[in-house]
Amino acid sequence: MPPLVAAARAGARASGFGFSCTDGVGRLLAALAATAGDGAVGEAGGGHGVGTAWLRSGLPAGARLVTVERDPARAAATAALFADDPAVRVLAEDWQALAGYGPYRVLFCDGGAKQGGPDAVTELVAPGGVVVLDDFTPSPDWPPTYQGRPDGLRLAWLTDPRYVTVEVGTATNATAIVATRR
């Protein structure tokens, strides 16, 4: 585990924050961040910086990472973790503040950005860029279901013609959506 990930995870635990990304999602984020070239990587809903640390671990030289967290205390904890890293910018704002720093080669959506579906974030993503959404429950059905009903958010991403999208397992009980903008 990268040292910054361990530090962020320890900070999240100490504060009682239990919604950090898993290691399976983190490894996926690091691998995708490595494709950013000298472009921008964004994160909506940075929490205590665990996902941010995973993204940073894969970030190539010349790329930059912008993360937003609307909770000021969590944003401050993440900012402190990356205080000496000029490649990382932490904003204590709503996810829409990401608009001023893109377009993004990789965009990890959590919180409000995730709930808005493809329409909410497409303009933030560069053509060929990738959007990642985590915390889905595996569904063997088509259309995909959650709690016995069609999963509208997942279905929106899997069928949006602006993206080539796949759902990937990140743990035995979890999946993530990976969508590449056409």
N, C-alpha and C. Protein backbone atom coordinates (compact mmCIF):
# COMPACT_ATOMS: atom_id res chain seq x y z
N MET A 1 0.84 -1.18 0.00
CA MET A 1 0.00 0.00 0.00
C MET A 1 0.89 1.25 0.00
N PRO A 2 0.61 2.20 -0.89
CA PRO A 2 1.41 3.43 -0.90
C PRO A 2 1.32 4.14 0.47
N PRO A 3 2.42 4.73 0.92
CA PRO A 3 2.44 5.39 2.24
C PRO A 3 1.37 6.47 2.41
N LEU A 4 1.09 7.26 1.37
CA LEU A 4 0.05 8.29 1.50
C LEU A 4 -1.33 7.67 1.67
N VAL A 5 -1.56 6.52 1.06
CA VAL A 5 -2.84 5.84 1.23
C VAL A 5 -2.98 5.40 2.69
N ALA A 6 -1.92 4.82 3.23
CA ALA A 6 -1.95 4.37 4.63
C ALA A 6 -2.18 5.56 5.56
N ALA A 7 -1.53 6.68 5.30
CA ALA A 7 -1.70 7.87 6.14
C ALA A 7 -3.13 8.41 6.05
N ALA A 8 -3.67 8.47 4.83
CA ALA A 8 -5.04 8.96 4.66
C ALA A 8 -6.04 8.02 5.34
N ARG A 9 -5.82 6.71 5.18
CA ARG A 9 -6.72 5.73 5.80
C ARG A 9 -6.68 5.86 7.33
N ALA A 10 -5.48 6.07 7.89
CA ALA A 10 -5.36 6.25 9.35
C ALA A 10 -6.10 7.51 9.81
N GLY A 11 -5.99 8.58 9.05
CA GLY A 11 -6.70 9.81 9.39
C GLY A 11 -8.21 9.64 9.33
N ALA A 12 -8.68 8.93 8.31
CA ALA A 12 -10.12 8.67 8.19
C ALA A 12 -10.62 7.85 9.37
N ARG A 13 -9.86 6.82 9.73
CA ARG A 13 -10.25 5.98 10.89
C ARG A 13 -10.29 6.80 12.16
N ALA A 14 -9.27 7.63 12.39
CA ALA A 14 -9.19 8.42 13.61
C ALA A 14 -10.36 9.39 13.74
N SER A 15 -10.86 9.86 12.61
CA SER A 15 -11.98 10.80 12.65
C SER A 15 -13.34 10.12 12.63
N GLY A 16 -13.34 8.80 12.47
CA GLY A 16 -14.60 8.07 12.41
C GLY A 16 -15.26 8.08 11.04
N PHE A 17 -14.52 8.49 10.01
CA PHE A 17 -15.06 8.54 8.66
C PHE A 17 -14.97 7.14 8.05
N GLY A 18 -16.10 6.55 7.69
CA GLY A 18 -16.12 5.17 7.22
C GLY A 18 -16.48 4.99 5.77
N PHE A 19 -16.31 6.02 4.95
CA PHE A 19 -16.74 5.92 3.55
C PHE A 19 -15.61 6.05 2.55
N SER A 20 -14.40 5.75 2.94
CA SER A 20 -13.25 5.83 2.03
C SER A 20 -13.31 4.71 1.00
N CYS A 21 -12.68 4.94 -0.13
CA CYS A 21 -12.68 3.91 -1.16
C CYS A 21 -11.88 2.69 -0.69
N THR A 22 -12.27 1.55 -1.23
CA THR A 22 -11.60 0.30 -0.88
C THR A 22 -10.28 0.19 -1.64
N ASP A 23 -9.46 -0.77 -1.22
CA ASP A 23 -8.20 -0.97 -1.92
C ASP A 23 -8.40 -1.44 -3.35
N GLY A 24 -9.45 -2.22 -3.62
CA GLY A 24 -9.73 -2.65 -4.99
C GLY A 24 -10.04 -1.46 -5.88
N VAL A 25 -10.85 -0.55 -5.40
CA VAL A 25 -11.14 0.67 -6.16
C VAL A 25 -9.89 1.53 -6.26
N GLY A 26 -9.14 1.60 -5.18
CA GLY A 26 -7.92 2.41 -5.17
C GLY A 26 -6.92 1.96 -6.22
N ARG A 27 -6.72 0.66 -6.33
CA ARG A 27 -5.79 0.16 -7.34
C ARG A 27 -6.28 0.50 -8.76
N LEU A 28 -7.59 0.41 -8.96
CA LEU A 28 -8.17 0.79 -10.24
C LEU A 28 -7.91 2.28 -10.51
N LEU A 29 -8.12 3.12 -9.51
CA LEU A 29 -7.87 4.55 -9.67
C LEU A 29 -6.42 4.85 -10.00
N ALA A 30 -5.50 4.19 -9.32
CA ALA A 30 -4.08 4.41 -9.59
C ALA A 30 -3.73 4.02 -11.02
N ALA A 31 -4.25 2.88 -11.47
CA ALA A 31 -3.96 2.43 -12.83
C ALA A 31 -4.51 3.39 -13.87
N LEU A 32 -5.72 3.90 -13.64
CA LEU A 32 -6.30 4.84 -14.59
C LEU A 32 -5.61 6.20 -14.53
N ALA A 33 -5.25 6.65 -13.34
CA ALA A 33 -4.52 7.93 -13.23
C ALA A 33 -3.22 7.88 -14.01
N ALA A 34 -2.60 6.72 -14.07
CA ALA A 34 -1.34 6.58 -14.79
C ALA A 34 -1.48 6.85 -16.29
N THR A 35 -2.71 6.86 -16.80
CA THR A 35 -2.94 7.12 -18.23
C THR A 35 -3.15 8.60 -18.53
N ALA A 36 -3.08 9.46 -17.54
CA ALA A 36 -3.45 10.87 -17.70
C ALA A 36 -2.45 11.69 -18.50
N GLY A 37 -1.27 11.16 -18.77
CA GLY A 37 -0.26 11.95 -19.47
C GLY A 37 0.04 13.20 -18.68
N ASP A 38 0.02 14.36 -19.34
CA ASP A 38 0.26 15.61 -18.62
C ASP A 38 -1.05 16.35 -18.38
N GLY A 39 -2.16 15.61 -18.38
CA GLY A 39 -3.47 16.21 -18.20
C GLY A 39 -3.92 16.29 -16.76
N ALA A 40 -5.20 16.54 -16.61
CA ALA A 40 -5.80 16.70 -15.29
C ALA A 40 -6.57 15.46 -14.87
N VAL A 41 -6.49 15.17 -13.58
CA VAL A 41 -7.27 14.12 -12.95
C VAL A 41 -8.12 14.80 -11.89
N GLY A 42 -9.40 14.44 -11.82
CA GLY A 42 -10.30 15.07 -10.87
C GLY A 42 -10.97 14.05 -9.96
N GLU A 43 -11.34 14.52 -8.78
CA GLU A 43 -12.05 13.68 -7.82
C GLU A 43 -13.14 14.52 -7.18
N ALA A 44 -14.36 14.04 -7.24
CA ALA A 44 -15.49 14.69 -6.60
C ALA A 44 -15.89 13.88 -5.38
N GLY A 45 -15.77 14.47 -4.22
CA GLY A 45 -16.06 13.77 -2.97
C GLY A 45 -14.82 13.12 -2.41
N GLY A 46 -13.83 13.92 -2.07
CA GLY A 46 -12.53 13.42 -1.64
C GLY A 46 -12.46 12.84 -0.24
N GLY A 47 -13.48 13.06 0.58
CA GLY A 47 -13.46 12.52 1.93
C GLY A 47 -12.20 12.92 2.68
N HIS A 48 -11.53 11.93 3.27
CA HIS A 48 -10.28 12.17 4.00
C HIS A 48 -9.04 11.93 3.15
N GLY A 49 -9.21 11.78 1.85
CA GLY A 49 -8.05 11.71 0.96
C GLY A 49 -7.57 10.33 0.60
N VAL A 50 -8.31 9.28 0.92
CA VAL A 50 -7.85 7.93 0.57
C VAL A 50 -7.86 7.76 -0.94
N GLY A 51 -8.96 8.10 -1.60
CA GLY A 51 -9.01 8.03 -3.06
C GLY A 51 -8.01 8.97 -3.69
N THR A 52 -7.85 10.14 -3.09
CA THR A 52 -6.87 11.11 -3.58
C THR A 52 -5.47 10.52 -3.55
N ALA A 53 -5.14 9.84 -2.47
CA ALA A 53 -3.82 9.22 -2.34
C ALA A 53 -3.62 8.11 -3.37
N TRP A 54 -4.66 7.32 -3.61
CA TRP A 54 -4.55 6.29 -4.65
C TRP A 54 -4.34 6.93 -6.01
N LEU A 55 -5.13 7.96 -6.33
CA LEU A 55 -4.96 8.65 -7.60
C LEU A 55 -3.55 9.23 -7.72
N ARG A 56 -3.06 9.85 -6.64
CA ARG A 56 -1.72 10.44 -6.67
C ARG A 56 -0.65 9.39 -6.88
N SER A 57 -0.87 8.18 -6.35
CA SER A 57 0.14 7.12 -6.48
C SER A 57 0.34 6.70 -7.93
N GLY A 58 -0.66 6.91 -8.78
CA GLY A 58 -0.52 6.57 -10.18
C GLY A 58 -0.26 7.75 -11.08
N LEU A 59 -0.37 8.95 -10.57
CA LEU A 59 -0.28 10.17 -11.37
C LEU A 59 1.10 10.32 -12.01
N PRO A 60 1.16 10.46 -13.34
CA PRO A 60 2.47 10.62 -13.98
C PRO A 60 3.03 12.04 -13.78
N ALA A 61 4.32 12.17 -13.98
CA ALA A 61 4.96 13.49 -13.90
C ALA A 61 4.30 14.41 -14.91
N GLY A 62 4.05 15.63 -14.50
CA GLY A 62 3.43 16.62 -15.37
C GLY A 62 1.92 16.68 -15.28
N ALA A 63 1.30 15.67 -14.71
CA ALA A 63 -0.15 15.68 -14.54
C ALA A 63 -0.50 16.41 -13.25
N ARG A 64 -1.76 16.78 -13.12
CA ARG A 64 -2.21 17.45 -11.90
C ARG A 64 -3.50 16.81 -11.43
N LEU A 65 -3.72 16.88 -10.14
CA LEU A 65 -4.87 16.26 -9.50
C LEU A 65 -5.64 17.32 -8.72
N VAL A 66 -6.94 17.42 -8.98
CA VAL A 66 -7.81 18.35 -8.26
C VAL A 66 -8.88 17.52 -7.58
N THR A 67 -9.02 17.71 -6.27
CA THR A 67 -10.06 17.01 -5.52
C THR A 67 -10.92 18.02 -4.78
N VAL A 68 -12.21 17.75 -4.74
CA VAL A 68 -13.12 18.61 -3.99
C VAL A 68 -13.82 17.79 -2.91
N GLU A 69 -13.99 18.42 -1.78
CA GLU A 69 -14.72 17.83 -0.65
C GLU A 69 -15.49 18.97 0.00
N ARG A 70 -16.80 18.82 0.09
CA ARG A 70 -17.61 19.93 0.62
C ARG A 70 -17.52 20.09 2.12
N ASP A 71 -17.12 19.05 2.85
CA ASP A 71 -16.98 19.16 4.29
C ASP A 71 -15.63 19.82 4.60
N PRO A 72 -15.62 21.01 5.22
CA PRO A 72 -14.36 21.74 5.44
C PRO A 72 -13.34 20.97 6.27
N ALA A 73 -13.77 20.24 7.28
CA ALA A 73 -12.81 19.50 8.12
C ALA A 73 -12.14 18.37 7.33
N ARG A 74 -12.92 17.66 6.54
CA ARG A 74 -12.33 16.59 5.72
C ARG A 74 -11.41 17.16 4.66
N ALA A 75 -11.84 18.26 4.03
CA ALA A 75 -10.99 18.90 3.02
C ALA A 75 -9.69 19.38 3.66
N ALA A 76 -9.75 19.92 4.85
CA ALA A 76 -8.54 20.39 5.53
C ALA A 76 -7.60 19.23 5.84
N ALA A 77 -8.15 18.09 6.24
CA ALA A 77 -7.31 16.92 6.52
C ALA A 77 -6.61 16.45 5.25
N THR A 78 -7.33 16.46 4.13
CA THR A 78 -6.72 16.06 2.87
C THR A 78 -5.68 17.08 2.43
N ALA A 79 -5.99 18.36 2.58
CA ALA A 79 -5.04 19.41 2.21
C ALA A 79 -3.76 19.30 3.02
N ALA A 80 -3.88 18.98 4.30
CA ALA A 80 -2.68 18.82 5.13
C ALA A 80 -1.84 17.65 4.66
N LEU A 81 -2.48 16.59 4.24
CA LEU A 81 -1.76 15.40 3.76
C LEU A 81 -0.94 15.72 2.50
N PHE A 82 -1.46 16.61 1.66
CA PHE A 82 -0.79 16.93 0.39
C PHE A 82 -0.20 18.34 0.37
N ALA A 83 0.03 18.92 1.53
CA ALA A 83 0.48 20.31 1.63
C ALA A 83 1.77 20.57 0.86
N ASP A 84 2.66 19.60 0.78
CA ASP A 84 3.95 19.80 0.10
C ASP A 84 3.96 19.26 -1.32
N ASP A 85 2.81 18.96 -1.88
CA ASP A 85 2.74 18.35 -3.20
C ASP A 85 2.10 19.32 -4.19
N PRO A 86 2.91 19.96 -5.05
CA PRO A 86 2.35 20.94 -5.98
C PRO A 86 1.45 20.33 -7.05
N ALA A 87 1.46 19.02 -7.22
CA ALA A 87 0.61 18.38 -8.22
C ALA A 87 -0.82 18.20 -7.74
N VAL A 88 -1.07 18.41 -6.45
CA VAL A 88 -2.40 18.16 -5.87
C VAL A 88 -3.01 19.46 -5.35
N ARG A 89 -4.24 19.69 -5.77
CA ARG A 89 -4.99 20.85 -5.29
C ARG A 89 -6.26 20.33 -4.60
N VAL A 90 -6.49 20.79 -3.38
CA VAL A 90 -7.65 20.36 -2.59
C VAL A 90 -8.57 21.57 -2.42
N LEU A 91 -9.83 21.39 -2.81
CA LEU A 91 -10.82 22.45 -2.70
C LEU A 91 -11.90 22.06 -1.69
N ALA A 92 -12.23 22.96 -0.80
CA ALA A 92 -13.31 22.75 0.16
C ALA A 92 -14.57 23.37 -0.43
N GLU A 93 -15.12 22.68 -1.42
CA GLU A 93 -16.28 23.20 -2.15
C GLU A 93 -17.16 22.05 -2.61
N ASP A 94 -18.26 22.41 -3.23
CA ASP A 94 -19.14 21.45 -3.87
C ASP A 94 -18.45 20.90 -5.13
N TRP A 95 -18.86 19.72 -5.57
CA TRP A 95 -18.21 19.06 -6.70
C TRP A 95 -18.20 19.91 -7.97
N GLN A 96 -19.16 20.81 -8.13
CA GLN A 96 -19.22 21.62 -9.34
C GLN A 96 -18.03 22.55 -9.50
N ALA A 97 -17.27 22.78 -8.43
CA ALA A 97 -16.06 23.60 -8.52
C ALA A 97 -15.01 22.96 -9.42
N LEU A 98 -15.15 21.67 -9.69
CA LEU A 98 -14.21 21.00 -10.60
C LEU A 98 -14.23 21.60 -12.01
N ALA A 99 -15.33 22.24 -12.38
CA ALA A 99 -15.47 22.78 -13.73
C ALA A 99 -14.35 23.75 -14.09
N GLY A 100 -13.82 24.46 -13.13
CA GLY A 100 -12.78 25.44 -13.42
C GLY A 100 -11.39 24.87 -13.62
N TYR A 101 -11.22 23.57 -13.54
CA TYR A 101 -9.87 22.98 -13.56
C TYR A 101 -9.69 21.88 -14.61
N GLY A 102 -10.72 21.56 -15.36
CA GLY A 102 -10.65 20.48 -16.35
C GLY A 102 -10.23 21.00 -17.70
N PRO A 103 -10.47 20.26 -18.74
CA PRO A 103 -11.16 18.96 -18.77
C PRO A 103 -10.27 17.86 -18.20
N TYR A 104 -10.92 16.82 -17.74
CA TYR A 104 -10.22 15.74 -17.03
C TYR A 104 -9.99 14.53 -17.91
N ARG A 105 -8.80 13.97 -17.77
CA ARG A 105 -8.48 12.70 -18.43
C ARG A 105 -9.04 11.54 -17.61
N VAL A 106 -9.11 11.72 -16.29
CA VAL A 106 -9.72 10.75 -15.38
C VAL A 106 -10.53 11.56 -14.37
N LEU A 107 -11.78 11.12 -14.14
CA LEU A 107 -12.63 11.79 -13.17
C LEU A 107 -13.28 10.72 -12.30
N PHE A 108 -12.96 10.74 -11.01
CA PHE A 108 -13.55 9.82 -10.04
C PHE A 108 -14.72 10.54 -9.38
N CYS A 109 -15.92 10.04 -9.61
CA CYS A 109 -17.14 10.69 -9.11
C CYS A 109 -17.69 9.95 -7.92
N ASP A 110 -17.90 10.69 -6.87
CA ASP A 110 -18.58 10.20 -5.69
C ASP A 110 -19.51 11.32 -5.25
N GLY A 111 -20.33 11.09 -4.28
CA GLY A 111 -21.22 12.13 -3.77
C GLY A 111 -22.15 12.67 -4.84
N GLY A 112 -22.38 13.97 -4.82
CA GLY A 112 -23.33 14.62 -5.73
C GLY A 112 -23.03 14.42 -7.19
N ALA A 113 -21.77 14.42 -7.56
CA ALA A 113 -21.41 14.23 -8.96
C ALA A 113 -21.87 12.87 -9.45
N LYS A 114 -21.78 11.88 -8.59
CA LYS A 114 -22.19 10.53 -8.97
C LYS A 114 -23.69 10.48 -9.21
N GLN A 115 -24.46 11.08 -8.35
CA GLN A 115 -25.91 10.99 -8.43
C GLN A 115 -26.48 11.72 -9.64
N GLY A 116 -25.75 12.65 -10.21
CA GLY A 116 -26.25 13.41 -11.35
C GLY A 116 -26.20 12.66 -12.67
N GLY A 117 -25.56 11.50 -12.71
CA GLY A 117 -25.48 10.72 -13.93
C GLY A 117 -24.58 11.35 -14.97
N PRO A 118 -24.56 10.76 -16.17
CA PRO A 118 -23.66 11.24 -17.22
C PRO A 118 -23.88 12.71 -17.59
N ASP A 119 -25.12 13.17 -17.59
CA ASP A 119 -25.37 14.56 -17.98
C ASP A 119 -24.67 15.55 -17.06
N ALA A 120 -24.51 15.21 -15.80
CA ALA A 120 -23.92 16.13 -14.83
C ALA A 120 -22.43 16.34 -15.06
N VAL A 121 -21.73 15.34 -15.60
CA VAL A 121 -20.27 15.43 -15.64
C VAL A 121 -19.64 15.37 -17.02
N THR A 122 -20.40 15.07 -18.06
CA THR A 122 -19.80 14.88 -19.38
C THR A 122 -18.97 16.07 -19.83
N GLU A 123 -19.43 17.27 -19.60
CA GLU A 123 -18.68 18.45 -20.04
C GLU A 123 -17.36 18.63 -19.28
N LEU A 124 -17.19 17.93 -18.17
CA LEU A 124 -15.94 18.01 -17.41
C LEU A 124 -14.87 17.05 -17.94
N VAL A 125 -15.27 16.11 -18.78
CA VAL A 125 -14.39 15.01 -19.20
C VAL A 125 -13.91 15.25 -20.63
N ALA A 126 -12.61 15.15 -20.82
CA ALA A 126 -12.03 15.29 -22.15
C ALA A 126 -12.45 14.11 -23.03
N PRO A 127 -12.60 14.32 -24.33
CA PRO A 127 -12.83 13.17 -25.21
C PRO A 127 -11.70 12.14 -25.00
N GLY A 128 -12.08 10.90 -24.83
CA GLY A 128 -11.11 9.85 -24.50
C GLY A 128 -10.84 9.72 -23.02
N GLY A 129 -11.40 10.64 -22.22
CA GLY A 129 -11.23 10.59 -20.78
C GLY A 129 -12.13 9.55 -20.15
N VAL A 130 -11.80 9.20 -18.91
CA VAL A 130 -12.48 8.11 -18.22
C VAL A 130 -13.16 8.63 -16.95
N VAL A 131 -14.39 8.17 -16.74
CA VAL A 131 -15.14 8.46 -15.52
C VAL A 131 -15.23 7.16 -14.72
N VAL A 132 -15.00 7.24 -13.41
CA VAL A 132 -15.10 6.08 -12.53
C VAL A 132 -16.11 6.40 -11.44
N LEU A 133 -17.01 5.44 -11.20
CA LEU A 133 -17.99 5.53 -10.11
C LEU A 133 -17.94 4.22 -9.35
N ASP A 134 -17.85 4.27 -8.04
CA ASP A 134 -17.76 3.03 -7.27
C ASP A 134 -19.00 2.82 -6.41
N ASP A 135 -18.94 1.79 -5.59
CA ASP A 135 -19.99 1.47 -4.61
C ASP A 135 -21.28 0.92 -5.22
N PHE A 136 -21.17 0.15 -6.28
CA PHE A 136 -22.33 -0.54 -6.81
C PHE A 136 -22.35 -1.97 -6.30
N THR A 137 -23.54 -2.50 -6.14
CA THR A 137 -23.73 -3.89 -5.75
C THR A 137 -23.85 -4.72 -7.02
N PRO A 138 -23.12 -5.83 -7.12
CA PRO A 138 -23.21 -6.64 -8.34
C PRO A 138 -24.66 -7.02 -8.66
N SER A 139 -24.99 -7.01 -9.95
CA SER A 139 -26.33 -7.40 -10.40
C SER A 139 -26.18 -8.28 -11.64
N PRO A 140 -26.65 -9.52 -11.58
CA PRO A 140 -26.56 -10.39 -12.74
C PRO A 140 -27.69 -10.13 -13.75
N ASP A 141 -28.62 -9.24 -13.41
CA ASP A 141 -29.80 -9.01 -14.22
C ASP A 141 -29.57 -7.96 -15.29
N TRP A 142 -30.40 -8.01 -16.34
CA TRP A 142 -30.50 -6.92 -17.30
C TRP A 142 -31.96 -6.58 -17.46
N PRO A 143 -32.37 -5.37 -17.23
CA PRO A 143 -31.49 -4.29 -16.78
C PRO A 143 -31.00 -4.55 -15.36
N PRO A 144 -29.86 -3.93 -15.00
CA PRO A 144 -29.32 -4.14 -13.66
C PRO A 144 -30.31 -3.66 -12.60
N THR A 145 -30.34 -4.38 -11.49
CA THR A 145 -31.26 -4.03 -10.42
C THR A 145 -30.50 -3.76 -9.14
N TYR A 146 -31.17 -3.03 -8.26
CA TYR A 146 -30.68 -2.80 -6.92
C TYR A 146 -31.90 -2.86 -6.01
N GLN A 147 -31.83 -3.70 -5.00
CA GLN A 147 -32.93 -3.91 -4.07
C GLN A 147 -34.23 -4.26 -4.81
N GLY A 148 -34.09 -5.10 -5.85
CA GLY A 148 -35.24 -5.61 -6.56
C GLY A 148 -35.86 -4.68 -7.59
N ARG A 149 -35.27 -3.50 -7.79
CA ARG A 149 -35.81 -2.54 -8.76
C ARG A 149 -34.72 -2.16 -9.75
N PRO A 150 -35.11 -1.76 -10.97
CA PRO A 150 -34.09 -1.33 -11.94
C PRO A 150 -33.22 -0.22 -11.35
N ASP A 151 -31.91 -0.33 -11.56
CA ASP A 151 -30.94 0.64 -11.06
C ASP A 151 -30.76 1.72 -12.13
N GLY A 152 -31.50 2.80 -12.00
CA GLY A 152 -31.51 3.86 -13.00
C GLY A 152 -30.15 4.50 -13.24
N LEU A 153 -29.40 4.74 -12.17
CA LEU A 153 -28.10 5.37 -12.32
C LEU A 153 -27.14 4.47 -13.10
N ARG A 154 -27.07 3.23 -12.71
CA ARG A 154 -26.18 2.29 -13.40
C ARG A 154 -26.63 2.14 -14.85
N LEU A 155 -27.90 2.01 -15.08
CA LEU A 155 -28.44 1.86 -16.43
C LEU A 155 -28.12 3.10 -17.29
N ALA A 156 -28.21 4.28 -16.69
CA ALA A 156 -27.88 5.50 -17.44
C ALA A 156 -26.44 5.48 -17.93
N TRP A 157 -25.52 5.05 -17.08
CA TRP A 157 -24.11 4.99 -17.48
C TRP A 157 -23.85 3.87 -18.49
N LEU A 158 -24.46 2.73 -18.29
CA LEU A 158 -24.20 1.59 -19.17
C LEU A 158 -24.79 1.76 -20.57
N THR A 159 -25.75 2.66 -20.74
CA THR A 159 -26.40 2.82 -22.04
C THR A 159 -26.19 4.19 -22.68
N ASP A 160 -25.47 5.08 -22.05
CA ASP A 160 -25.28 6.41 -22.60
C ASP A 160 -24.40 6.33 -23.85
N PRO A 161 -24.88 6.80 -25.00
CA PRO A 161 -24.11 6.67 -26.24
C PRO A 161 -22.85 7.54 -26.30
N ARG A 162 -22.69 8.45 -25.36
CA ARG A 162 -21.48 9.28 -25.32
C ARG A 162 -20.30 8.54 -24.71
N TYR A 163 -20.56 7.35 -24.16
CA TYR A 163 -19.53 6.59 -23.44
C TYR A 163 -19.48 5.14 -23.90
N VAL A 164 -18.30 4.57 -23.78
CA VAL A 164 -18.12 3.13 -23.84
C VAL A 164 -17.91 2.72 -22.39
N THR A 165 -18.80 1.89 -21.87
CA THR A 165 -18.85 1.67 -20.43
C THR A 165 -18.81 0.20 -20.08
N VAL A 166 -18.13 -0.09 -18.97
CA VAL A 166 -18.09 -1.45 -18.44
C VAL A 166 -18.24 -1.38 -16.93
N GLU A 167 -18.83 -2.41 -16.39
CA GLU A 167 -18.91 -2.55 -14.93
C GLU A 167 -17.88 -3.60 -14.54
N VAL A 168 -17.02 -3.27 -13.59
CA VAL A 168 -15.95 -4.19 -13.18
C VAL A 168 -16.06 -4.49 -11.70
N GLY A 169 -15.73 -5.72 -11.35
CA GLY A 169 -15.72 -6.10 -9.95
C GLY A 169 -14.52 -5.51 -9.24
N THR A 170 -14.74 -4.96 -8.07
CA THR A 170 -13.64 -4.42 -7.27
C THR A 170 -13.49 -5.17 -5.95
N ALA A 171 -14.46 -6.01 -5.64
CA ALA A 171 -14.47 -6.89 -4.48
C ALA A 171 -15.55 -7.93 -4.74
N THR A 172 -15.65 -8.93 -3.89
CA THR A 172 -16.68 -9.95 -4.12
C THR A 172 -18.09 -9.39 -4.03
N ASN A 173 -18.26 -8.28 -3.34
CA ASN A 173 -19.58 -7.70 -3.15
C ASN A 173 -19.70 -6.27 -3.68
N ALA A 174 -18.82 -5.89 -4.60
CA ALA A 174 -18.83 -4.51 -5.08
C ALA A 174 -18.34 -4.42 -6.52
N THR A 175 -18.91 -3.45 -7.24
CA THR A 175 -18.47 -3.18 -8.60
C THR A 175 -18.27 -1.68 -8.77
N ALA A 176 -17.62 -1.33 -9.85
CA ALA A 176 -17.44 0.07 -10.23
C ALA A 176 -17.78 0.20 -11.70
N ILE A 177 -18.22 1.37 -12.08
CA ILE A 177 -18.48 1.71 -13.47
C ILE A 177 -17.24 2.44 -13.99
N VAL A 178 -16.76 2.02 -15.15
CA VAL A 178 -15.66 2.70 -15.84
C VAL A 178 -16.20 3.08 -17.22
N ALA A 179 -16.28 4.37 -17.48
CA ALA A 179 -16.87 4.87 -18.72
C ALA A 179 -15.87 5.77 -19.44
N THR A 180 -15.58 5.44 -20.70
CA THR A 180 -14.68 6.23 -21.51
C THR A 180 -15.50 7.10 -22.45
N ARG A 181 -15.24 8.40 -22.41
CA ARG A 181 -16.00 9.32 -23.26
C ARG A 181 -15.54 9.18 -24.70
N ARG A 182 -16.50 9.06 -25.59
CA ARG A 182 -16.22 8.96 -27.04
C ARG A 182 -15.69 10.28 -27.57
